[in-house]
Amino acid sequence: MIAVVWTLLLGLAWMVLSGDFSGPSLFAGLLFAYLALAVLQPGVPALAGHARRLPRWLAFAGFFLRQLLLANLRVAYDIVTPPWYMRPGVIAMPLRARSDFEIAFVANLISLTPGTLSLDVSDDRRVLYIHAMFLDDEPALRRGLAELERRALALFR
């Protein structure tokens, strides 16, 4: 988390020193900050693993955007076609996430995806209850949600 703060601060410092407060300038500042911290990583224990995080975030962004697009298309198709194919239901998904932040992050990712909604977390924080519009293939839905959770948790662990 310290590396993220330093990356943001160095990126903002780049913008201030260059006098350019545009999106490309911010991007350049963040890129140079990332590279500088990646070079400093071996000598600073607080930056451990910093260089591996950006590729993980980019891969996750691609994965999530793909899932988001597919879910949008499925919901849109079901809305515009006369016979509705939805079979809504609620499932209980066991969680590998343990901290409140991880649970909230996974639950919000699920809720952001059209066709699914996080309803509640069990009292022991080990089960997430999810409403799904398309429960026709429950094992496939569970596999997809488990993959989403696995990739999301890999960002922080």
N, C-alpha and C. Protein backbone atom coordinates (compact mmCIF):
# COMPACT_ATOMS: atom_id res chain seq x y z
N MET A 1 0.82 -1.19 0.00
CA MET A 1 0.00 0.00 0.00
C MET A 1 0.87 1.26 0.00
N ILE A 2 2.03 1.18 0.63
CA ILE A 2 2.94 2.32 0.66
C ILE A 2 3.41 2.66 -0.75
N ALA A 3 3.65 1.62 -1.56
CA ALA A 3 4.10 1.85 -2.93
C ALA A 3 3.05 2.59 -3.75
N VAL A 4 1.78 2.29 -3.51
CA VAL A 4 0.70 2.97 -4.24
C VAL A 4 0.68 4.45 -3.87
N VAL A 5 0.81 4.74 -2.59
CA VAL A 5 0.82 6.14 -2.14
C VAL A 5 2.01 6.88 -2.75
N TRP A 6 3.19 6.25 -2.73
CA TRP A 6 4.37 6.88 -3.31
C TRP A 6 4.21 7.07 -4.82
N THR A 7 3.62 6.11 -5.48
CA THR A 7 3.40 6.25 -6.93
C THR A 7 2.50 7.44 -7.22
N LEU A 8 1.41 7.57 -6.45
CA LEU A 8 0.50 8.70 -6.65
C LEU A 8 1.19 10.04 -6.35
N LEU A 9 1.93 10.09 -5.25
CA LEU A 9 2.63 11.33 -4.88
C LEU A 9 3.66 11.73 -5.93
N LEU A 10 4.43 10.75 -6.41
CA LEU A 10 5.44 11.06 -7.43
C LEU A 10 4.78 11.44 -8.75
N GLY A 11 3.66 10.80 -9.07
CA GLY A 11 2.93 11.17 -10.29
C GLY A 11 2.39 12.58 -10.22
N LEU A 12 1.86 12.96 -9.06
CA LEU A 12 1.37 14.33 -8.88
C LEU A 12 2.52 15.33 -8.88
N ALA A 13 3.65 14.94 -8.28
CA ALA A 13 4.83 15.81 -8.29
C ALA A 13 5.30 16.04 -9.72
N TRP A 14 5.25 15.02 -10.54
CA TRP A 14 5.61 15.15 -11.95
C TRP A 14 4.73 16.21 -12.63
N MET A 15 3.43 16.14 -12.36
CA MET A 15 2.51 17.11 -12.97
C MET A 15 2.82 18.53 -12.50
N VAL A 16 3.08 18.69 -11.21
CA VAL A 16 3.36 20.03 -10.66
C VAL A 16 4.66 20.57 -11.24
N LEU A 17 5.69 19.74 -11.28
CA LEU A 17 6.99 20.21 -11.77
C LEU A 17 6.97 20.48 -13.27
N SER A 18 6.19 19.72 -14.01
CA SER A 18 6.12 19.96 -15.46
C SER A 18 5.15 21.09 -15.80
N GLY A 19 4.26 21.44 -14.86
CA GLY A 19 3.30 22.50 -15.10
C GLY A 19 2.17 22.11 -16.03
N ASP A 20 2.03 20.83 -16.28
CA ASP A 20 1.00 20.33 -17.20
C ASP A 20 0.04 19.45 -16.40
N PHE A 21 -1.21 19.88 -16.28
CA PHE A 21 -2.20 19.17 -15.48
C PHE A 21 -3.21 18.44 -16.36
N SER A 22 -2.70 17.72 -17.33
CA SER A 22 -3.57 16.99 -18.26
C SER A 22 -3.50 15.49 -17.97
N GLY A 23 -4.39 14.75 -18.57
CA GLY A 23 -4.41 13.30 -18.41
C GLY A 23 -3.12 12.64 -18.88
N PRO A 24 -2.62 12.99 -20.08
CA PRO A 24 -1.36 12.38 -20.52
C PRO A 24 -0.19 12.68 -19.58
N SER A 25 -0.17 13.88 -19.01
CA SER A 25 0.90 14.21 -18.07
C SER A 25 0.80 13.36 -16.81
N LEU A 26 -0.42 13.17 -16.32
CA LEU A 26 -0.61 12.30 -15.15
C LEU A 26 -0.17 10.88 -15.47
N PHE A 27 -0.55 10.39 -16.65
CA PHE A 27 -0.15 9.04 -17.07
C PHE A 27 1.37 8.92 -17.12
N ALA A 28 2.03 9.91 -17.73
CA ALA A 28 3.50 9.88 -17.80
C ALA A 28 4.11 9.92 -16.41
N GLY A 29 3.58 10.75 -15.54
CA GLY A 29 4.09 10.83 -14.17
C GLY A 29 3.93 9.53 -13.42
N LEU A 30 2.77 8.90 -13.57
CA LEU A 30 2.55 7.61 -12.90
C LEU A 30 3.46 6.53 -13.47
N LEU A 31 3.68 6.56 -14.78
CA LEU A 31 4.56 5.58 -15.40
C LEU A 31 5.99 5.74 -14.90
N PHE A 32 6.49 6.97 -14.88
CA PHE A 32 7.85 7.21 -14.38
C PHE A 32 7.96 6.89 -12.89
N ALA A 33 6.94 7.19 -12.13
CA ALA A 33 6.95 6.86 -10.70
C ALA A 33 7.00 5.36 -10.50
N TYR A 34 6.21 4.63 -11.29
CA TYR A 34 6.21 3.16 -11.19
C TYR A 34 7.60 2.62 -11.51
N LEU A 35 8.20 3.11 -12.58
CA LEU A 35 9.52 2.63 -12.97
C LEU A 35 10.57 2.98 -11.92
N ALA A 36 10.51 4.19 -11.37
CA ALA A 36 11.47 4.59 -10.34
C ALA A 36 11.34 3.72 -9.10
N LEU A 37 10.13 3.45 -8.68
CA LEU A 37 9.94 2.60 -7.50
C LEU A 37 10.31 1.15 -7.79
N ALA A 38 10.13 0.70 -9.02
CA ALA A 38 10.54 -0.66 -9.38
C ALA A 38 12.06 -0.80 -9.30
N VAL A 39 12.77 0.26 -9.68
CA VAL A 39 14.23 0.25 -9.60
C VAL A 39 14.68 0.28 -8.13
N LEU A 40 13.98 1.05 -7.30
CA LEU A 40 14.33 1.17 -5.88
C LEU A 40 13.88 -0.03 -5.05
N GLN A 41 13.01 -0.86 -5.58
CA GLN A 41 12.39 -1.95 -4.84
C GLN A 41 13.37 -2.85 -4.09
N PRO A 42 14.47 -3.30 -4.69
CA PRO A 42 15.37 -4.20 -3.95
C PRO A 42 15.95 -3.60 -2.68
N GLY A 43 16.14 -2.29 -2.64
CA GLY A 43 16.74 -1.67 -1.46
C GLY A 43 15.77 -1.19 -0.41
N VAL A 44 14.46 -1.23 -0.71
CA VAL A 44 13.46 -0.72 0.23
C VAL A 44 12.45 -1.83 0.53
N PRO A 45 12.49 -2.40 1.74
CA PRO A 45 11.58 -3.51 2.06
C PRO A 45 10.10 -3.17 1.92
N ALA A 46 9.72 -1.93 2.14
CA ALA A 46 8.31 -1.54 2.05
C ALA A 46 7.78 -1.63 0.62
N LEU A 47 8.68 -1.67 -0.36
CA LEU A 47 8.26 -1.74 -1.76
C LEU A 47 8.28 -3.16 -2.31
N ALA A 48 8.42 -4.15 -1.45
CA ALA A 48 8.50 -5.54 -1.90
C ALA A 48 7.28 -5.91 -2.74
N GLY A 49 7.52 -6.48 -3.90
CA GLY A 49 6.44 -6.94 -4.77
C GLY A 49 5.82 -5.85 -5.62
N HIS A 50 6.33 -4.63 -5.51
CA HIS A 50 5.74 -3.50 -6.24
C HIS A 50 5.76 -3.72 -7.76
N ALA A 51 6.85 -4.22 -8.29
CA ALA A 51 6.99 -4.37 -9.74
C ALA A 51 6.02 -5.41 -10.31
N ARG A 52 5.56 -6.34 -9.50
CA ARG A 52 4.64 -7.37 -9.98
C ARG A 52 3.18 -6.92 -9.95
N ARG A 53 2.88 -5.85 -9.26
CA ARG A 53 1.48 -5.45 -9.08
C ARG A 53 0.85 -4.87 -10.34
N LEU A 54 1.56 -4.03 -11.07
CA LEU A 54 0.98 -3.39 -12.25
C LEU A 54 0.54 -4.42 -13.29
N PRO A 55 1.38 -5.39 -13.65
CA PRO A 55 0.90 -6.40 -14.61
C PRO A 55 -0.33 -7.15 -14.10
N ARG A 56 -0.39 -7.43 -12.80
CA ARG A 56 -1.57 -8.10 -12.24
C ARG A 56 -2.81 -7.23 -12.39
N TRP A 57 -2.68 -5.94 -12.08
CA TRP A 57 -3.81 -5.02 -12.20
C TRP A 57 -4.28 -4.90 -13.64
N LEU A 58 -3.33 -4.82 -14.58
CA LEU A 58 -3.71 -4.72 -15.99
C LEU A 58 -4.40 -5.99 -16.46
N ALA A 59 -3.88 -7.15 -16.06
CA ALA A 59 -4.52 -8.42 -16.43
C ALA A 59 -5.91 -8.51 -15.83
N PHE A 60 -6.05 -8.08 -14.58
CA PHE A 60 -7.37 -8.13 -13.94
C PHE A 60 -8.34 -7.17 -14.62
N ALA A 61 -7.87 -5.99 -14.98
CA ALA A 61 -8.74 -5.03 -15.66
C ALA A 61 -9.25 -5.60 -16.97
N GLY A 62 -8.38 -6.26 -17.73
CA GLY A 62 -8.81 -6.90 -18.98
C GLY A 62 -9.82 -8.00 -18.72
N PHE A 63 -9.54 -8.84 -17.72
CA PHE A 63 -10.46 -9.93 -17.37
C PHE A 63 -11.82 -9.38 -16.96
N PHE A 64 -11.82 -8.38 -16.07
CA PHE A 64 -13.08 -7.85 -15.56
C PHE A 64 -13.87 -7.13 -16.65
N LEU A 65 -13.19 -6.38 -17.51
CA LEU A 65 -13.89 -5.70 -18.60
C LEU A 65 -14.52 -6.71 -19.56
N ARG A 66 -13.83 -7.81 -19.80
CA ARG A 66 -14.40 -8.87 -20.65
C ARG A 66 -15.65 -9.45 -20.00
N GLN A 67 -15.56 -9.77 -18.69
CA GLN A 67 -16.72 -10.32 -17.98
C GLN A 67 -17.87 -9.32 -17.96
N LEU A 68 -17.56 -8.06 -17.79
CA LEU A 68 -18.56 -7.01 -17.77
C LEU A 68 -19.27 -6.91 -19.12
N LEU A 69 -18.50 -6.96 -20.20
CA LEU A 69 -19.08 -6.90 -21.55
C LEU A 69 -19.99 -8.10 -21.81
N LEU A 70 -19.51 -9.30 -21.47
CA LEU A 70 -20.31 -10.51 -21.70
C LEU A 70 -21.60 -10.48 -20.87
N ALA A 71 -21.52 -10.04 -19.63
CA ALA A 71 -22.71 -9.97 -18.78
C ALA A 71 -23.70 -8.94 -19.32
N ASN A 72 -23.20 -7.80 -19.78
CA ASN A 72 -24.07 -6.79 -20.38
C ASN A 72 -24.78 -7.33 -21.61
N LEU A 73 -24.05 -8.03 -22.46
CA LEU A 73 -24.65 -8.59 -23.66
C LEU A 73 -25.71 -9.64 -23.32
N ARG A 74 -25.43 -10.46 -22.33
CA ARG A 74 -26.40 -11.50 -21.95
C ARG A 74 -27.69 -10.88 -21.40
N VAL A 75 -27.56 -9.90 -20.53
CA VAL A 75 -28.74 -9.24 -19.97
C VAL A 75 -29.50 -8.49 -21.07
N ALA A 76 -28.77 -7.78 -21.93
CA ALA A 76 -29.43 -7.03 -23.01
C ALA A 76 -30.16 -7.98 -23.95
N TYR A 77 -29.54 -9.10 -24.29
CA TYR A 77 -30.19 -10.07 -25.17
C TYR A 77 -31.46 -10.61 -24.53
N ASP A 78 -31.40 -10.89 -23.25
CA ASP A 78 -32.59 -11.42 -22.57
C ASP A 78 -33.71 -10.39 -22.52
N ILE A 79 -33.36 -9.13 -22.44
CA ILE A 79 -34.39 -8.09 -22.38
C ILE A 79 -35.07 -7.89 -23.73
N VAL A 80 -34.31 -7.92 -24.82
CA VAL A 80 -34.89 -7.61 -26.13
C VAL A 80 -35.52 -8.80 -26.83
N THR A 81 -35.29 -10.00 -26.37
CA THR A 81 -35.92 -11.17 -27.00
C THR A 81 -37.23 -11.48 -26.28
N PRO A 82 -38.25 -11.88 -27.04
CA PRO A 82 -39.57 -12.11 -26.43
C PRO A 82 -39.59 -13.17 -25.32
N PRO A 83 -39.10 -14.38 -25.52
CA PRO A 83 -39.14 -15.29 -24.37
C PRO A 83 -37.96 -14.99 -23.44
N TRP A 84 -38.25 -14.78 -22.20
CA TRP A 84 -37.17 -14.50 -21.25
C TRP A 84 -36.50 -15.79 -20.85
N TYR A 85 -35.17 -15.76 -20.85
CA TYR A 85 -34.39 -16.94 -20.51
C TYR A 85 -33.89 -16.91 -19.07
N MET A 86 -34.19 -15.84 -18.37
CA MET A 86 -33.66 -15.75 -17.01
C MET A 86 -34.33 -16.77 -16.08
N ARG A 87 -33.52 -17.27 -15.18
CA ARG A 87 -34.00 -18.15 -14.12
C ARG A 87 -33.33 -17.66 -12.84
N PRO A 88 -33.92 -16.65 -12.19
CA PRO A 88 -33.26 -16.04 -11.04
C PRO A 88 -33.22 -16.96 -9.83
N GLY A 89 -32.25 -16.70 -8.99
CA GLY A 89 -32.12 -17.46 -7.75
C GLY A 89 -31.01 -16.89 -6.89
N VAL A 90 -30.91 -17.41 -5.70
CA VAL A 90 -29.89 -16.98 -4.74
C VAL A 90 -28.98 -18.16 -4.45
N ILE A 91 -27.68 -17.90 -4.46
CA ILE A 91 -26.72 -18.95 -4.12
C ILE A 91 -25.86 -18.46 -2.95
N ALA A 92 -25.31 -19.42 -2.23
CA ALA A 92 -24.37 -19.12 -1.15
C ALA A 92 -22.98 -19.51 -1.65
N MET A 93 -22.11 -18.52 -1.77
CA MET A 93 -20.76 -18.76 -2.27
C MET A 93 -19.76 -18.71 -1.12
N PRO A 94 -19.02 -19.79 -0.90
CA PRO A 94 -17.98 -19.75 0.14
C PRO A 94 -16.90 -18.75 -0.24
N LEU A 95 -16.45 -17.99 0.73
CA LEU A 95 -15.45 -16.94 0.48
C LEU A 95 -14.06 -17.38 0.90
N ARG A 96 -13.07 -17.03 0.08
CA ARG A 96 -11.67 -17.18 0.46
C ARG A 96 -11.15 -15.86 1.02
N ALA A 97 -11.86 -14.78 0.73
CA ALA A 97 -11.49 -13.46 1.26
C ALA A 97 -11.71 -13.45 2.77
N ARG A 98 -10.80 -12.82 3.50
CA ARG A 98 -10.92 -12.82 4.95
C ARG A 98 -11.08 -11.43 5.54
N SER A 99 -10.37 -10.45 5.01
CA SER A 99 -10.47 -9.11 5.60
C SER A 99 -11.74 -8.42 5.10
N ASP A 100 -12.18 -7.43 5.85
CA ASP A 100 -13.37 -6.67 5.44
C ASP A 100 -13.17 -6.01 4.09
N PHE A 101 -11.96 -5.51 3.85
CA PHE A 101 -11.67 -4.86 2.58
C PHE A 101 -11.79 -5.85 1.42
N GLU A 102 -11.19 -7.03 1.57
CA GLU A 102 -11.26 -8.04 0.51
C GLU A 102 -12.70 -8.47 0.24
N ILE A 103 -13.46 -8.69 1.30
CA ILE A 103 -14.86 -9.10 1.14
C ILE A 103 -15.65 -8.00 0.43
N ALA A 104 -15.46 -6.76 0.85
CA ALA A 104 -16.17 -5.64 0.21
C ALA A 104 -15.76 -5.49 -1.25
N PHE A 105 -14.48 -5.67 -1.55
CA PHE A 105 -14.00 -5.55 -2.92
C PHE A 105 -14.64 -6.61 -3.81
N VAL A 106 -14.62 -7.86 -3.36
CA VAL A 106 -15.22 -8.96 -4.15
C VAL A 106 -16.72 -8.75 -4.29
N ALA A 107 -17.39 -8.39 -3.21
CA ALA A 107 -18.85 -8.19 -3.25
C ALA A 107 -19.21 -7.07 -4.21
N ASN A 108 -18.44 -6.00 -4.22
CA ASN A 108 -18.73 -4.89 -5.12
C ASN A 108 -18.45 -5.24 -6.57
N LEU A 109 -17.41 -6.02 -6.83
CA LEU A 109 -17.16 -6.47 -8.20
C LEU A 109 -18.32 -7.31 -8.71
N ILE A 110 -18.84 -8.18 -7.86
CA ILE A 110 -19.97 -9.02 -8.24
C ILE A 110 -21.20 -8.16 -8.50
N SER A 111 -21.44 -7.18 -7.65
CA SER A 111 -22.61 -6.31 -7.83
C SER A 111 -22.49 -5.41 -9.06
N LEU A 112 -21.27 -5.06 -9.45
CA LEU A 112 -21.07 -4.23 -10.63
C LEU A 112 -21.38 -4.99 -11.92
N THR A 113 -21.30 -6.30 -11.87
CA THR A 113 -21.54 -7.12 -13.06
C THR A 113 -23.03 -7.29 -13.26
N PRO A 114 -23.57 -6.89 -14.41
CA PRO A 114 -25.01 -7.04 -14.65
C PRO A 114 -25.45 -8.50 -14.54
N GLY A 115 -26.57 -8.70 -13.88
CA GLY A 115 -27.12 -10.04 -13.71
C GLY A 115 -26.78 -10.67 -12.38
N THR A 116 -25.89 -10.06 -11.61
CA THR A 116 -25.56 -10.58 -10.28
C THR A 116 -25.58 -9.44 -9.28
N LEU A 117 -25.92 -9.79 -8.05
CA LEU A 117 -25.99 -8.79 -6.98
C LEU A 117 -25.61 -9.44 -5.67
N SER A 118 -24.66 -8.86 -4.97
CA SER A 118 -24.29 -9.36 -3.64
C SER A 118 -25.36 -8.92 -2.66
N LEU A 119 -25.90 -9.88 -1.93
CA LEU A 119 -26.99 -9.58 -1.00
C LEU A 119 -26.51 -9.40 0.43
N ASP A 120 -25.70 -10.35 0.91
CA ASP A 120 -25.32 -10.33 2.32
C ASP A 120 -24.10 -11.20 2.52
N VAL A 121 -23.44 -10.98 3.64
CA VAL A 121 -22.32 -11.81 4.07
C VAL A 121 -22.74 -12.47 5.37
N SER A 122 -22.41 -13.74 5.52
CA SER A 122 -22.78 -14.45 6.74
C SER A 122 -22.08 -13.82 7.94
N ASP A 123 -22.60 -14.11 9.13
CA ASP A 123 -22.05 -13.53 10.35
C ASP A 123 -20.59 -13.91 10.57
N ASP A 124 -20.22 -15.12 10.16
CA ASP A 124 -18.83 -15.56 10.33
C ASP A 124 -17.92 -15.11 9.17
N ARG A 125 -18.48 -14.35 8.20
CA ARG A 125 -17.76 -13.78 7.06
C ARG A 125 -17.12 -14.84 6.18
N ARG A 126 -17.74 -16.00 6.10
CA ARG A 126 -17.20 -17.07 5.26
C ARG A 126 -18.08 -17.37 4.04
N VAL A 127 -19.28 -16.80 3.99
CA VAL A 127 -20.22 -17.07 2.90
C VAL A 127 -20.80 -15.75 2.40
N LEU A 128 -20.83 -15.61 1.08
CA LEU A 128 -21.45 -14.44 0.44
C LEU A 128 -22.71 -14.92 -0.28
N TYR A 129 -23.83 -14.27 0.00
CA TYR A 129 -25.09 -14.63 -0.65
C TYR A 129 -25.26 -13.73 -1.87
N ILE A 130 -25.52 -14.37 -3.01
CA ILE A 130 -25.56 -13.66 -4.29
C ILE A 130 -26.86 -13.98 -5.01
N HIS A 131 -27.52 -12.94 -5.51
CA HIS A 131 -28.68 -13.12 -6.38
C HIS A 131 -28.18 -13.11 -7.82
N ALA A 132 -28.59 -14.09 -8.59
CA ALA A 132 -28.20 -14.18 -10.00
C ALA A 132 -29.43 -14.26 -10.88
N MET A 133 -29.41 -13.55 -11.99
CA MET A 133 -30.53 -13.60 -12.94
C MET A 133 -30.57 -14.91 -13.70
N PHE A 134 -29.41 -15.47 -13.97
CA PHE A 134 -29.31 -16.67 -14.81
C PHE A 134 -28.70 -17.80 -13.99
N LEU A 135 -29.55 -18.57 -13.37
CA LEU A 135 -29.09 -19.67 -12.53
C LEU A 135 -29.33 -21.00 -13.23
N ASP A 136 -29.42 -20.98 -14.57
CA ASP A 136 -29.67 -22.21 -15.30
C ASP A 136 -28.48 -23.16 -15.24
N ASP A 137 -27.27 -22.63 -15.13
CA ASP A 137 -26.08 -23.46 -15.02
C ASP A 137 -25.31 -23.03 -13.76
N GLU A 138 -25.79 -23.51 -12.62
CA GLU A 138 -25.21 -23.09 -11.34
C GLU A 138 -23.73 -23.42 -11.20
N PRO A 139 -23.28 -24.63 -11.60
CA PRO A 139 -21.84 -24.91 -11.48
C PRO A 139 -20.97 -23.93 -12.29
N ALA A 140 -21.43 -23.56 -13.48
CA ALA A 140 -20.65 -22.60 -14.29
C ALA A 140 -20.63 -21.23 -13.62
N LEU A 141 -21.76 -20.83 -13.04
CA LEU A 141 -21.81 -19.55 -12.32
C LEU A 141 -20.86 -19.57 -11.13
N ARG A 142 -20.87 -20.65 -10.39
CA ARG A 142 -19.97 -20.76 -9.23
C ARG A 142 -18.50 -20.72 -9.66
N ARG A 143 -18.18 -21.41 -10.76
CA ARG A 143 -16.80 -21.38 -11.26
C ARG A 143 -16.40 -19.97 -11.67
N GLY A 144 -17.29 -19.27 -12.35
CA GLY A 144 -17.00 -17.90 -12.76
C GLY A 144 -16.80 -16.96 -11.58
N LEU A 145 -17.65 -17.10 -10.57
CA LEU A 145 -17.52 -16.25 -9.38
C LEU A 145 -16.25 -16.59 -8.60
N ALA A 146 -15.91 -17.88 -8.53
CA ALA A 146 -14.69 -18.28 -7.83
C ALA A 146 -13.46 -17.74 -8.56
N GLU A 147 -13.50 -17.75 -9.90
CA GLU A 147 -12.38 -17.20 -10.68
C GLU A 147 -12.26 -15.69 -10.46
N LEU A 148 -13.38 -15.01 -10.43
CA LEU A 148 -13.37 -13.57 -10.16
C LEU A 148 -12.77 -13.29 -8.78
N GLU A 149 -13.18 -14.06 -7.78
CA GLU A 149 -12.64 -13.86 -6.43
C GLU A 149 -11.14 -14.17 -6.39
N ARG A 150 -10.72 -15.25 -7.05
CA ARG A 150 -9.31 -15.63 -7.05
C ARG A 150 -8.45 -14.52 -7.66
N ARG A 151 -8.89 -14.00 -8.79
CA ARG A 151 -8.13 -12.94 -9.45
C ARG A 151 -8.14 -11.64 -8.64
N ALA A 152 -9.27 -11.34 -8.02
CA ALA A 152 -9.36 -10.12 -7.21
C ALA A 152 -8.44 -10.21 -6.00
N LEU A 153 -8.41 -11.36 -5.35
CA LEU A 153 -7.57 -11.52 -4.17
C LEU A 153 -6.09 -11.51 -4.53
N ALA A 154 -5.75 -11.96 -5.74
CA ALA A 154 -4.35 -11.96 -6.17
C ALA A 154 -3.80 -10.54 -6.30
N LEU A 155 -4.68 -9.57 -6.42
CA LEU A 155 -4.23 -8.18 -6.51
C LEU A 155 -3.64 -7.67 -5.20
N PHE A 156 -4.09 -8.23 -4.09
CA PHE A 156 -3.70 -7.71 -2.78
C PHE A 156 -2.84 -8.67 -1.98
N ARG A 157 -2.66 -9.85 -2.44
CA ARG A 157 -1.88 -10.83 -1.67
C ARG A 157 -0.56 -11.11 -2.34
